[in-house]
Structures are given as C-alpha cells and as structure tokens.
Amino acid sequence: MIALKKIRQLIMGASEVVSIKELTARNSGSYLFVQASLIFWVADLRRLHLASWRIEAKIRAEFPNVDSVKNILRYAAALQ
C-alpha cells in the first residue's frame, strides 16, 4: 500500500521517533483511518505530545481524506 509507506516515512521523519511498533491504515469509503503504535525518545510528556500532534498534522496534510489518526504513545527518557 503506497499510503502506508508514505505514512511510515512521515512518522520516521520526526527526530523524536525511535521506532514504529505497529502501523495500520484502512479505507472506509473515501476516508482513511490510521493507527500507529510509536516509541519516542523524549525528555518530557509535553515534548511527546507536541511531536505526536506534529506527526498527525503532517499525515493530515499529505492525506486530506484522513478521518482519524490514533496514536498509541510509548516513550523513553534518559535517567538523570
């Protein structure tokens, strides 16, 4: 699926993303639904959510027919 490959590229373009555990996309009529389970390397939850929103905005900009983007967020932070 070409859309899935492009979505994967958009996600991995975010410097905070370490890996994608799971990525699914499905069509329903003219709508696209995306679900991603992502692992982030961030220092705080605020940065995690900002990165998540930025990724979602990039996906929506590339695919205007996206109805829903669901992120399952996991993060790691360095111990100090």
C-alpha atoms as a PDB file:
ATOM      1  CA  MET A   1       0.000   0.000   0.000  1.00  0.00           C
ATOM      2  CA  ILE A   2       1.551   3.265  -1.154  1.00  0.00           C
ATOM      3  CA  ALA A   3      -0.205   5.329   1.535  1.00  0.00           C
ATOM      4  CA  LEU A   4       1.184   3.137   4.317  1.00  0.00           C
ATOM      5  CA  LYS A   5       4.733   3.534   3.013  1.00  0.00           C
ATOM      6  CA  LYS A   6       4.353   7.335   2.851  1.00  0.00           C
ATOM      7  CA  ILE A   7       2.817   7.470   6.355  1.00  0.00           C
ATOM      8  CA  ARG A   8       5.753   5.418   7.669  1.00  0.00           C
ATOM      9  CA  GLN A   9       8.183   7.926   6.085  1.00  0.00           C
ATOM     10  CA  LEU A  10       6.320  10.878   7.624  1.00  0.00           C
ATOM     11  CA  ILE A  11       6.419   9.286  11.076  1.00  0.00           C
ATOM     12  CA  MET A  12      10.083   8.305  10.917  1.00  0.00           C
ATOM     13  CA  GLY A  13      10.917  11.845   9.761  1.00  0.00           C
ATOM     14  CA  ALA A  14      10.244  13.057  13.308  1.00  0.00           C
ATOM     15  CA  SER A  15      13.504  13.156  15.244  1.00  0.00           C
ATOM     16  CA  GLU A  16      11.773  12.060  18.464  1.00  0.00           C
ATOM     17  CA  VAL A  17      10.557   8.752  17.000  1.00  0.00           C
ATOM     18  CA  VAL A  18      12.783   5.759  17.705  1.00  0.00           C
ATOM     19  CA  SER A  19      10.641   3.113  16.037  1.00  0.00           C
ATOM     20  CA  ILE A  20       7.197   2.087  14.876  1.00  0.00           C
ATOM     21  CA  LYS A  21       5.844  -0.929  16.750  1.00  0.00           C
ATOM     22  CA  GLU A  22       2.671  -1.179  14.656  1.00  0.00           C
ATOM     23  CA  LEU A  23       1.149   0.806  11.824  1.00  0.00           C
ATOM     24  CA  THR A  24      -2.206   0.164  10.182  1.00  0.00           C
ATOM     25  CA  ALA A  25      -4.280   2.130   7.731  1.00  0.00           C
ATOM     26  CA  ARG A  26      -7.638   1.219   6.277  1.00  0.00           C
ATOM     27  CA  ASN A  27     -10.062   2.779   3.870  1.00  0.00           C
ATOM     28  CA  SER A  28     -13.765   3.101   4.508  1.00  0.00           C
ATOM     29  CA  GLY A  29     -15.428   4.726   1.562  1.00  0.00           C
ATOM     30  CA  SER A  30     -13.473   7.877   0.807  1.00  0.00           C
ATOM     31  CA  TYR A  31     -11.966   8.065   4.305  1.00  0.00           C
ATOM     32  CA  LEU A  32      -8.641   6.789   5.606  1.00  0.00           C
ATOM     33  CA  PHE A  33      -8.169   5.654   9.210  1.00  0.00           C
ATOM     34  CA  VAL A  34      -4.628   5.419  10.609  1.00  0.00           C
ATOM     35  CA  GLN A  35      -3.435   3.801  13.816  1.00  0.00           C
ATOM     36  CA  ALA A  36       0.184   3.853  14.934  1.00  0.00           C
ATOM     37  CA  SER A  37       1.982   2.473  17.952  1.00  0.00           C
ATOM     38  CA  LEU A  38       5.141   4.539  18.282  1.00  0.00           C
ATOM     39  CA  ILE A  39       8.186   4.586  20.526  1.00  0.00           C
ATOM     40  CA  PHE A  40       9.590   8.033  21.250  1.00  0.00           C
ATOM     41  CA  TRP A  41      12.828   9.143  22.893  1.00  0.00           C
ATOM     42  CA  VAL A  42      11.873  12.326  24.733  1.00  0.00           C
ATOM     43  CA  ALA A  43      12.672  14.065  27.996  1.00  0.00           C
ATOM     44  CA  ASP A  44       9.135  15.093  28.953  1.00  0.00           C
ATOM     45  CA  LEU A  45       5.496  14.432  28.161  1.00  0.00           C
ATOM     46  CA  ARG A  46       4.917  17.909  26.721  1.00  0.00           C
ATOM     47  CA  ARG A  47       7.512  17.271  24.018  1.00  0.00           C
ATOM     48  CA  LEU A  48       5.969  13.845  23.394  1.00  0.00           C
ATOM     49  CA  HIS A  49       2.539  15.335  22.737  1.00  0.00           C
ATOM     50  CA  LEU A  50       3.933  18.125  20.575  1.00  0.00           C
ATOM     51  CA  ALA A  51       5.748  15.560  18.431  1.00  0.00           C
ATOM     52  CA  SER A  52       2.594  13.463  18.205  1.00  0.00           C
ATOM     53  CA  TRP A  53       0.486  16.444  17.098  1.00  0.00           C
ATOM     54  CA  ARG A  54       3.135  17.445  14.551  1.00  0.00           C
ATOM     55  CA  ILE A  55       3.172  13.924  13.070  1.00  0.00           C
ATOM     56  CA  GLU A  56      -0.625  13.864  12.883  1.00  0.00           C
ATOM     57  CA  ALA A  57      -0.650  17.269  11.139  1.00  0.00           C
ATOM     58  CA  LYS A  58       1.861  16.033   8.560  1.00  0.00           C
ATOM     59  CA  ILE A  59      -0.243  12.937   7.855  1.00  0.00           C
ATOM     60  CA  ARG A  60      -3.412  15.021   7.508  1.00  0.00           C
ATOM     61  CA  ALA A  61      -1.635  17.489   5.184  1.00  0.00           C
ATOM     62  CA  GLU A  62      -0.429  14.667   2.938  1.00  0.00           C
ATOM     63  CA  PHE A  63      -3.733  12.764   3.028  1.00  0.00           C
ATOM     64  CA  PRO A  64      -6.690  15.205   3.250  1.00  0.00           C
ATOM     65  CA  ASN A  65      -9.145  12.281   3.348  1.00  0.00           C
ATOM     66  CA  VAL A  66      -7.805  11.073   6.717  1.00  0.00           C
ATOM     67  CA  ASP A  67     -10.724  10.964   9.123  1.00  0.00           C
ATOM     68  CA  SER A  68      -8.940   9.606  12.155  1.00  0.00           C
ATOM     69  CA  VAL A  69      -5.354   9.291  13.354  1.00  0.00           C
ATOM     70  CA  LYS A  70      -4.920   7.309  16.555  1.00  0.00           C
ATOM     71  CA  ASN A  71      -1.526   7.244  18.232  1.00  0.00           C
ATOM     72  CA  ILE A  72      -0.619   4.750  20.892  1.00  0.00           C
ATOM     73  CA  LEU A  73       2.291   6.518  22.513  1.00  0.00           C
ATOM     74  CA  ARG A  74       5.226   4.964  24.295  1.00  0.00           C
ATOM     75  CA  TYR A  75       8.234   6.950  25.372  1.00  0.00           C
ATOM     76  CA  ALA A  76      11.624   6.575  26.924  1.00  0.00           C
ATOM     77  CA  ALA A  77      13.513   9.238  28.811  1.00  0.00           C
ATOM     78  CA  ALA A  78      17.121   9.329  29.915  1.00  0.00           C
ATOM     79  CA  LEU A  79      17.692   8.811  33.621  1.00  0.00           C
ATOM     80  CA  GLN A  80      19.484  11.708  35.267  1.00  0.00           C
END
